[in-house]
Amino acid sequence: MGVAAYRSWCIRLVSAALKYGAVKIKVIFLVSLIALATVHAHGQGTVIYDQQSSTESNVLEGGSYIQSNQPFGQSFTPSLNAVAFIRLDLFSDSVAGGALVDILLHANSISGPVIGTSETVSLPNNSGGFINFYFATPVSVIPGTTYYFQPVVQPGGNDVGAFSSSAYNYPGGVEISQGASFPNFDLWFREGIVVPEPSTWALLLIGVGAFLWYRRR
């Protein structure tokens, strides 16, 4: 849920107050409080990068289109026990309409079981840059085991590409294009977790505590 969605909750809160009265409004208020806590938790915290092929200060020329090279992605070997986000450097064609993009996280191979799907990101036409793909819940992984992420453009979207290079020399995986490994290439990527700030944990506890208190009444 984003800020716009939370504002929508507030509007519904007022509408419910007028239509249903105090009892209904208490329930909606408590749900809204938890929703606000979720928004805050998603946007606040310390980012910890685990695996990466490069950084924002080192983007090299080269790239591949996502749609025409499926199964397309990158293998990587995490050292932490969860993946909360994957960051890519993307570019999109200038055709009007844009594209919707998400990332599938696979075990075993690029076509293996899907263990996580990121939130969908809307990419306007003729745009791109560094994009974070968050998982609604961090995906549990086994440190030292190879996993595979696959960016996917939803049908009907513009052509979208991902920057890659043969000079990144990431030791924990390789770029995968049309299902085949390219040992000398890597996508530009960074992945890791987000550790919530203490104030975020407090807000989450307040929201859940208020809900539990109301249910016991």
C-alpha atoms as a PDB file:
ATOM      1  CA  MET A   1       0.000   0.000   0.000  1.00  0.00           C
ATOM      2  CA  GLY A   2       1.305   3.454  -0.901  1.00  0.00           C
ATOM      3  CA  VAL A   3       0.565   6.940   0.373  1.00  0.00           C
ATOM      4  CA  ALA A   4      -2.168   7.452  -2.211  1.00  0.00           C
ATOM      5  CA  ALA A   5      -3.857   4.258  -1.087  1.00  0.00           C
ATOM      6  CA  TYR A   6      -3.728   5.401   2.522  1.00  0.00           C
ATOM      7  CA  ARG A   7      -5.367   8.698   1.584  1.00  0.00           C
ATOM      8  CA  SER A   8      -8.106   6.658  -0.005  1.00  0.00           C
ATOM      9  CA  TRP A   9      -8.545   4.879   3.330  1.00  0.00           C
ATOM     10  CA  CYS A  10      -8.992   8.241   5.052  1.00  0.00           C
ATOM     11  CA  ILE A  11     -11.734   9.219   2.620  1.00  0.00           C
ATOM     12  CA  ARG A  12     -13.499   5.922   3.258  1.00  0.00           C
ATOM     13  CA  LEU A  13     -13.116   6.507   6.980  1.00  0.00           C
ATOM     14  CA  VAL A  14     -15.038   9.772   6.793  1.00  0.00           C
ATOM     15  CA  SER A  15     -17.695   8.261   4.533  1.00  0.00           C
ATOM     16  CA  ALA A  16     -18.193   5.369   6.923  1.00  0.00           C
ATOM     17  CA  ALA A  17     -18.564   7.760   9.848  1.00  0.00           C
ATOM     18  CA  LEU A  18     -21.446   9.472   8.096  1.00  0.00           C
ATOM     19  CA  LYS A  19     -23.084   6.253   6.948  1.00  0.00           C
ATOM     20  CA  TYR A  20     -22.593   3.732   9.758  1.00  0.00           C
ATOM     21  CA  GLY A  21     -21.879   5.653  12.916  1.00  0.00           C
ATOM     22  CA  ALA A  22     -19.372   5.177  15.722  1.00  0.00           C
ATOM     23  CA  VAL A  23     -19.148   1.369  15.923  1.00  0.00           C
ATOM     24  CA  LYS A  24     -18.256   0.933  12.275  1.00  0.00           C
ATOM     25  CA  ILE A  25     -15.859   3.847  12.367  1.00  0.00           C
ATOM     26  CA  LYS A  26     -13.839   2.246  15.187  1.00  0.00           C
ATOM     27  CA  VAL A  27     -13.186  -0.830  13.082  1.00  0.00           C
ATOM     28  CA  ILE A  28     -12.205   1.152  10.001  1.00  0.00           C
ATOM     29  CA  PHE A  29      -9.996   3.451  12.077  1.00  0.00           C
ATOM     30  CA  LEU A  30      -8.061   0.523  13.519  1.00  0.00           C
ATOM     31  CA  VAL A  31      -7.583  -1.063  10.103  1.00  0.00           C
ATOM     32  CA  SER A  32      -6.433   2.307   8.760  1.00  0.00           C
ATOM     33  CA  LEU A  33      -3.919   2.637  11.588  1.00  0.00           C
ATOM     34  CA  ILE A  34      -2.402  -0.724  10.677  1.00  0.00           C
ATOM     35  CA  ALA A  35      -2.370   0.333   7.013  1.00  0.00           C
ATOM     36  CA  LEU A  36      -0.465   3.495   7.926  1.00  0.00           C
ATOM     37  CA  ALA A  37       2.021   1.424   9.891  1.00  0.00           C
ATOM     38  CA  THR A  38       2.562  -0.756   6.830  1.00  0.00           C
ATOM     39  CA  VAL A  39       3.200   2.312   4.640  1.00  0.00           C
ATOM     40  CA  HIS A  40       5.677   3.685   7.160  1.00  0.00           C
ATOM     41  CA  ALA A  41       7.480   0.364   7.494  1.00  0.00           C
ATOM     42  CA  HIS A  42       7.836   0.019   3.745  1.00  0.00           C
ATOM     43  CA  GLY A  43       9.303   3.484   3.305  1.00  0.00           C
ATOM     44  CA  GLN A  44      11.534   3.827   6.373  1.00  0.00           C
ATOM     45  CA  GLY A  45      14.555   1.840   7.458  1.00  0.00           C
ATOM     46  CA  THR A  46      18.178   1.079   6.837  1.00  0.00           C
ATOM     47  CA  VAL A  47      19.008  -0.555   3.519  1.00  0.00           C
ATOM     48  CA  ILE A  48      21.564  -3.353   3.730  1.00  0.00           C
ATOM     49  CA  TYR A  49      22.937  -4.486   0.386  1.00  0.00           C
ATOM     50  CA  ASP A  50      23.968  -8.108   0.258  1.00  0.00           C
ATOM     51  CA  GLN A  51      24.876  -9.120  -3.307  1.00  0.00           C
ATOM     52  CA  GLN A  52      25.618  -6.702  -6.148  1.00  0.00           C
ATOM     53  CA  SER A  53      27.362  -6.669  -9.481  1.00  0.00           C
ATOM     54  CA  SER A  54      28.163  -2.970  -9.266  1.00  0.00           C
ATOM     55  CA  THR A  55      27.056   0.362  -7.766  1.00  0.00           C
ATOM     56  CA  GLU A  56      25.282   3.468  -9.033  1.00  0.00           C
ATOM     57  CA  SER A  57      28.634   5.139  -9.659  1.00  0.00           C
ATOM     58  CA  ASN A  58      29.741   2.368 -12.004  1.00  0.00           C
ATOM     59  CA  VAL A  59      27.253   1.696 -14.783  1.00  0.00           C
ATOM     60  CA  LEU A  60      28.876   0.383 -17.957  1.00  0.00           C
ATOM     61  CA  GLU A  61      27.527   0.431 -21.499  1.00  0.00           C
ATOM     62  CA  GLY A  62      25.512  -2.516 -22.702  1.00  0.00           C
ATOM     63  CA  GLY A  63      22.147  -4.106 -22.146  1.00  0.00           C
ATOM     64  CA  SER A  64      19.506  -6.543 -23.325  1.00  0.00           C
ATOM     65  CA  TYR A  65      15.773  -6.355 -23.897  1.00  0.00           C
ATOM     66  CA  ILE A  66      13.754  -8.312 -21.377  1.00  0.00           C
ATOM     67  CA  GLN A  67      10.818  -9.547 -23.456  1.00  0.00           C
ATOM     68  CA  SER A  68      12.766 -10.933 -26.425  1.00  0.00           C
ATOM     69  CA  ASN A  69      15.334 -12.766 -24.293  1.00  0.00           C
ATOM     70  CA  GLN A  70      13.129 -14.744 -21.925  1.00  0.00           C
ATOM     71  CA  PRO A  71      13.870 -16.712 -19.835  1.00  0.00           C
ATOM     72  CA  PHE A  72      16.017 -13.730 -18.860  1.00  0.00           C
ATOM     73  CA  GLY A  73      17.655 -12.740 -15.602  1.00  0.00           C
ATOM     74  CA  GLN A  74      20.601 -13.239 -13.307  1.00  0.00           C
ATOM     75  CA  SER A  75      21.816 -15.854 -10.852  1.00  0.00           C
ATOM     76  CA  PHE A  76      23.191 -14.734  -7.490  1.00  0.00           C
ATOM     77  CA  THR A  77      24.314 -16.282  -4.217  1.00  0.00           C
ATOM     78  CA  PRO A  78      23.019 -14.464  -1.126  1.00  0.00           C
ATOM     79  CA  SER A  79      24.913 -14.424   2.157  1.00  0.00           C
ATOM     80  CA  LEU A  80      21.876 -13.280   4.159  1.00  0.00           C
ATOM     81  CA  ASN A  81      18.790 -15.373   4.868  1.00  0.00           C
ATOM     82  CA  ALA A  82      16.256 -13.113   3.139  1.00  0.00           C
ATOM     83  CA  VAL A  83      15.760 -10.972   0.039  1.00  0.00           C
ATOM     84  CA  ALA A  84      13.568  -7.900   0.534  1.00  0.00           C
ATOM     85  CA  PHE A  85      14.260  -6.107  -2.748  1.00  0.00           C
ATOM     86  CA  ILE A  86      16.152  -6.297  -6.018  1.00  0.00           C
ATOM     87  CA  ARG A  87      17.430  -3.122  -7.670  1.00  0.00           C
ATOM     88  CA  LEU A  88      17.975  -2.964 -11.446  1.00  0.00           C
ATOM     89  CA  ASP A  89      19.016  -0.349 -13.963  1.00  0.00           C
ATOM     90  CA  LEU A  90      16.347  -0.362 -16.693  1.00  0.00           C
ATOM     91  CA  PHE A  91      15.482   1.536 -19.841  1.00  0.00           C
ATOM     92  CA  SER A  92      12.196   1.750 -21.760  1.00  0.00           C
ATOM     93  CA  ASP A  93      11.262   2.559 -25.356  1.00  0.00           C
ATOM     94  CA  SER A  94       9.677   5.907 -26.192  1.00  0.00           C
ATOM     95  CA  VAL A  95       6.412   4.420 -27.480  1.00  0.00           C
ATOM     96  CA  ALA A  96       3.420   5.798 -25.580  1.00  0.00           C
ATOM     97  CA  GLY A  97       1.883   3.496 -23.022  1.00  0.00           C
ATOM     98  CA  GLY A  98       4.737   2.521 -20.732  1.00  0.00           C
ATOM     99  CA  ALA A  99       5.140  -0.904 -19.150  1.00  0.00           C
ATOM    100  CA  LEU A 100       4.403  -2.813 -15.966  1.00  0.00           C
ATOM    101  CA  VAL A 101       7.367  -4.770 -14.637  1.00  0.00           C
ATOM    102  CA  ASP A 102       7.877  -7.176 -11.770  1.00  0.00           C
ATOM    103  CA  ILE A 103      10.505  -9.687 -10.703  1.00  0.00           C
ATOM    104  CA  LEU A 104      10.139 -13.406 -10.100  1.00  0.00           C
ATOM    105  CA  LEU A 105      12.563 -15.026  -7.678  1.00  0.00           C
ATOM    106  CA  HIS A 106      13.328 -18.655  -8.539  1.00  0.00           C
ATOM    107  CA  ALA A 107      15.007 -21.558  -6.789  1.00  0.00           C
ATOM    108  CA  ASN A 108      17.143 -24.145  -8.617  1.00  0.00           C
ATOM    109  CA  SER A 109      17.145 -22.474 -12.074  1.00  0.00           C
ATOM    110  CA  ILE A 110      15.745 -19.557 -14.061  1.00  0.00           C
ATOM    111  CA  SER A 111      12.752 -21.788 -14.831  1.00  0.00           C
ATOM    112  CA  GLY A 112      12.594 -23.354 -11.379  1.00  0.00           C
ATOM    113  CA  PRO A 113       9.949 -22.908  -8.670  1.00  0.00           C
ATOM    114  CA  VAL A 114       8.918 -19.316  -7.999  1.00  0.00           C
ATOM    115  CA  ILE A 115       9.554 -18.538  -4.338  1.00  0.00           C
ATOM    116  CA  GLY A 116       8.698 -14.834  -4.498  1.00  0.00           C
ATOM    117  CA  THR A 117       7.105 -12.208  -6.741  1.00  0.00           C
ATOM    118  CA  SER A 118       7.902  -8.530  -6.312  1.00  0.00           C
ATOM    119  CA  GLU A 119       5.434  -5.701  -6.283  1.00  0.00           C
ATOM    120  CA  THR A 120       4.698  -4.427  -9.787  1.00  0.00           C
ATOM    121  CA  VAL A 121       6.430  -1.221 -10.889  1.00  0.00           C
ATOM    122  CA  SER A 122       4.923   1.076 -13.514  1.00  0.00           C
ATOM    123  CA  LEU A 123       7.586   2.281 -15.938  1.00  0.00           C
ATOM    124  CA  PRO A 124       6.506   5.264 -18.088  1.00  0.00           C
ATOM    125  CA  ASN A 125       7.466   5.379 -21.749  1.00  0.00           C
ATOM    126  CA  ASN A 126      10.941   6.663 -22.552  1.00  0.00           C
ATOM    127  CA  SER A 127      12.057   6.307 -18.965  1.00  0.00           C
ATOM    128  CA  GLY A 128      14.186   4.132 -16.771  1.00  0.00           C
ATOM    129  CA  GLY A 129      17.014   4.340 -14.306  1.00  0.00           C
ATOM    130  CA  PHE A 130      17.571   2.615 -10.994  1.00  0.00           C
ATOM    131  CA  ILE A 131      14.397   0.815  -9.951  1.00  0.00           C
ATOM    132  CA  ASN A 132      13.741  -0.969  -6.660  1.00  0.00           C
ATOM    133  CA  PHE A 133      11.499  -4.028  -6.802  1.00  0.00           C
ATOM    134  CA  TYR A 134      10.261  -4.767  -3.293  1.00  0.00           C
ATOM    135  CA  PHE A 135       8.756  -8.024  -2.094  1.00  0.00           C
ATOM    136  CA  ALA A 136       5.678  -7.502   0.079  1.00  0.00           C
ATOM    137  CA  THR A 137       7.236  -9.945   2.537  1.00  0.00           C
ATOM    138  CA  PRO A 138      10.995 -10.619   2.469  1.00  0.00           C
ATOM    139  CA  VAL A 139      11.660 -13.940   0.744  1.00  0.00           C
ATOM    140  CA  SER A 140      13.467 -16.505   2.886  1.00  0.00           C
ATOM    141  CA  VAL A 141      16.598 -17.949   1.253  1.00  0.00           C
ATOM    142  CA  ILE A 142      19.445 -20.212   2.309  1.00  0.00           C
ATOM    143  CA  PRO A 143      22.786 -18.367   2.529  1.00  0.00           C
ATOM    144  CA  GLY A 144      25.371 -19.757   0.130  1.00  0.00           C
ATOM    145  CA  THR A 145      22.731 -21.211  -2.210  1.00  0.00           C
ATOM    146  CA  THR A 146      22.341 -19.932  -5.769  1.00  0.00           C
ATOM    147  CA  TYR A 147      19.018 -18.283  -6.675  1.00  0.00           C
ATOM    148  CA  TYR A 148      17.738 -16.686  -9.856  1.00  0.00           C
ATOM    149  CA  PHE A 149      15.764 -13.501 -10.439  1.00  0.00           C
ATOM    150  CA  GLN A 150      13.757 -12.896 -13.594  1.00  0.00           C
ATOM    151  CA  PRO A 151      12.400  -9.452 -14.577  1.00  0.00           C
ATOM    152  CA  VAL A 152       9.086  -9.812 -16.393  1.00  0.00           C
ATOM    153  CA  VAL A 153       7.203  -7.219 -18.447  1.00  0.00           C
ATOM    154  CA  GLN A 154       3.458  -7.732 -18.389  1.00  0.00           C
ATOM    155  CA  PRO A 155       1.825  -8.337 -21.800  1.00  0.00           C
ATOM    156  CA  GLY A 156       1.147  -5.246 -23.873  1.00  0.00           C
ATOM    157  CA  GLY A 157       3.936  -3.144 -22.389  1.00  0.00           C
ATOM    158  CA  ASN A 158       6.689  -1.294 -24.200  1.00  0.00           C
ATOM    159  CA  ASP A 159      10.033  -2.958 -24.794  1.00  0.00           C
ATOM    160  CA  VAL A 160      12.075  -2.716 -21.603  1.00  0.00           C
ATOM    161  CA  GLY A 161      15.770  -3.426 -21.302  1.00  0.00           C
ATOM    162  CA  ALA A 162      18.181  -4.090 -18.452  1.00  0.00           C
ATOM    163  CA  PHE A 163      21.734  -2.790 -18.399  1.00  0.00           C
ATOM    164  CA  SER A 164      24.487  -5.393 -18.279  1.00  0.00           C
ATOM    165  CA  SER A 165      28.205  -5.686 -18.917  1.00  0.00           C
ATOM    166  CA  SER A 166      31.036  -8.157 -19.308  1.00  0.00           C
ATOM    167  CA  ALA A 167      33.216  -6.077 -16.977  1.00  0.00           C
ATOM    168  CA  TYR A 168      31.316  -6.380 -13.684  1.00  0.00           C
ATOM    169  CA  ASN A 169      32.834  -9.803 -12.887  1.00  0.00           C
ATOM    170  CA  TYR A 170      30.293 -10.668 -10.188  1.00  0.00           C
ATOM    171  CA  PRO A 171      31.593 -13.889  -8.587  1.00  0.00           C
ATOM    172  CA  GLY A 172      28.282 -15.287  -7.328  1.00  0.00           C
ATOM    173  CA  GLY A 173      26.350 -15.713 -10.574  1.00  0.00           C
ATOM    174  CA  VAL A 174      25.919 -14.825 -14.237  1.00  0.00           C
ATOM    175  CA  GLU A 175      23.497 -13.213 -16.658  1.00  0.00           C
ATOM    176  CA  ILE A 176      20.951 -15.559 -18.212  1.00  0.00           C
ATOM    177  CA  SER A 177      19.478 -14.842 -21.643  1.00  0.00           C
ATOM    178  CA  GLN A 178      17.022 -17.058 -23.519  1.00  0.00           C
ATOM    179  CA  GLY A 179      17.540 -19.619 -20.782  1.00  0.00           C
ATOM    180  CA  ALA A 180      21.306 -19.929 -21.328  1.00  0.00           C
ATOM    181  CA  SER A 181      24.046 -18.768 -18.962  1.00  0.00           C
ATOM    182  CA  PHE A 182      26.535 -16.144 -20.137  1.00  0.00           C
ATOM    183  CA  PRO A 183      29.526 -16.590 -17.809  1.00  0.00           C
ATOM    184  CA  ASN A 184      31.236 -13.378 -18.908  1.00  0.00           C
ATOM    185  CA  PHE A 185      28.211 -11.104 -18.384  1.00  0.00           C
ATOM    186  CA  ASP A 186      26.180  -9.799 -15.453  1.00  0.00           C
ATOM    187  CA  LEU A 187      23.142  -7.597 -15.150  1.00  0.00           C
ATOM    188  CA  TRP A 188      23.610  -4.423 -13.163  1.00  0.00           C
ATOM    189  CA  PHE A 189      21.884  -5.342  -9.914  1.00  0.00           C
ATOM    190  CA  ARG A 190      21.883  -4.928  -6.169  1.00  0.00           C
ATOM    191  CA  GLU A 191      19.797  -6.888  -3.675  1.00  0.00           C
ATOM    192  CA  GLY A 192      19.352  -6.936   0.058  1.00  0.00           C
ATOM    193  CA  ILE A 193      17.093  -6.266   3.004  1.00  0.00           C
ATOM    194  CA  VAL A 194      15.560  -3.275   4.783  1.00  0.00           C
ATOM    195  CA  VAL A 195      15.887  -3.087   8.570  1.00  0.00           C
ATOM    196  CA  PRO A 196      13.015  -0.941   9.961  1.00  0.00           C
ATOM    197  CA  GLU A 197      13.891   1.980  12.204  1.00  0.00           C
ATOM    198  CA  PRO A 198      12.863   1.736  15.878  1.00  0.00           C
ATOM    199  CA  SER A 199      10.040   4.231  15.322  1.00  0.00           C
ATOM    200  CA  THR A 200       8.669   1.998  12.574  1.00  0.00           C
ATOM    201  CA  TRP A 201       8.579  -1.021  14.870  1.00  0.00           C
ATOM    202  CA  ALA A 202       6.821   1.088  17.503  1.00  0.00           C
ATOM    203  CA  LEU A 203       4.163   2.213  15.028  1.00  0.00           C
ATOM    204  CA  LEU A 204       3.582  -1.350  13.878  1.00  0.00           C
ATOM    205  CA  LEU A 205       3.190  -2.533  17.470  1.00  0.00           C
ATOM    206  CA  ILE A 206       0.751   0.277  18.237  1.00  0.00           C
ATOM    207  CA  GLY A 207      -1.376  -0.589  15.222  1.00  0.00           C
ATOM    208  CA  VAL A 208      -1.494  -4.325  15.939  1.00  0.00           C
ATOM    209  CA  GLY A 209      -1.952  -3.744  19.669  1.00  0.00           C
ATOM    210  CA  ALA A 210      -4.881  -1.431  19.087  1.00  0.00           C
ATOM    211  CA  PHE A 211      -6.518  -3.997  16.852  1.00  0.00           C
ATOM    212  CA  LEU A 212      -6.087  -6.787  19.407  1.00  0.00           C
ATOM    213  CA  TRP A 213      -7.413  -4.521  22.172  1.00  0.00           C
ATOM    214  CA  TYR A 214     -10.538  -3.757  20.191  1.00  0.00           C
ATOM    215  CA  ARG A 215     -11.195  -7.430  19.446  1.00  0.00           C
ATOM    216  CA  ARG A 216     -11.091  -8.282  23.151  1.00  0.00           C
ATOM    217  CA  ARG A 217     -13.735  -5.674  23.972  1.00  0.00           C
END
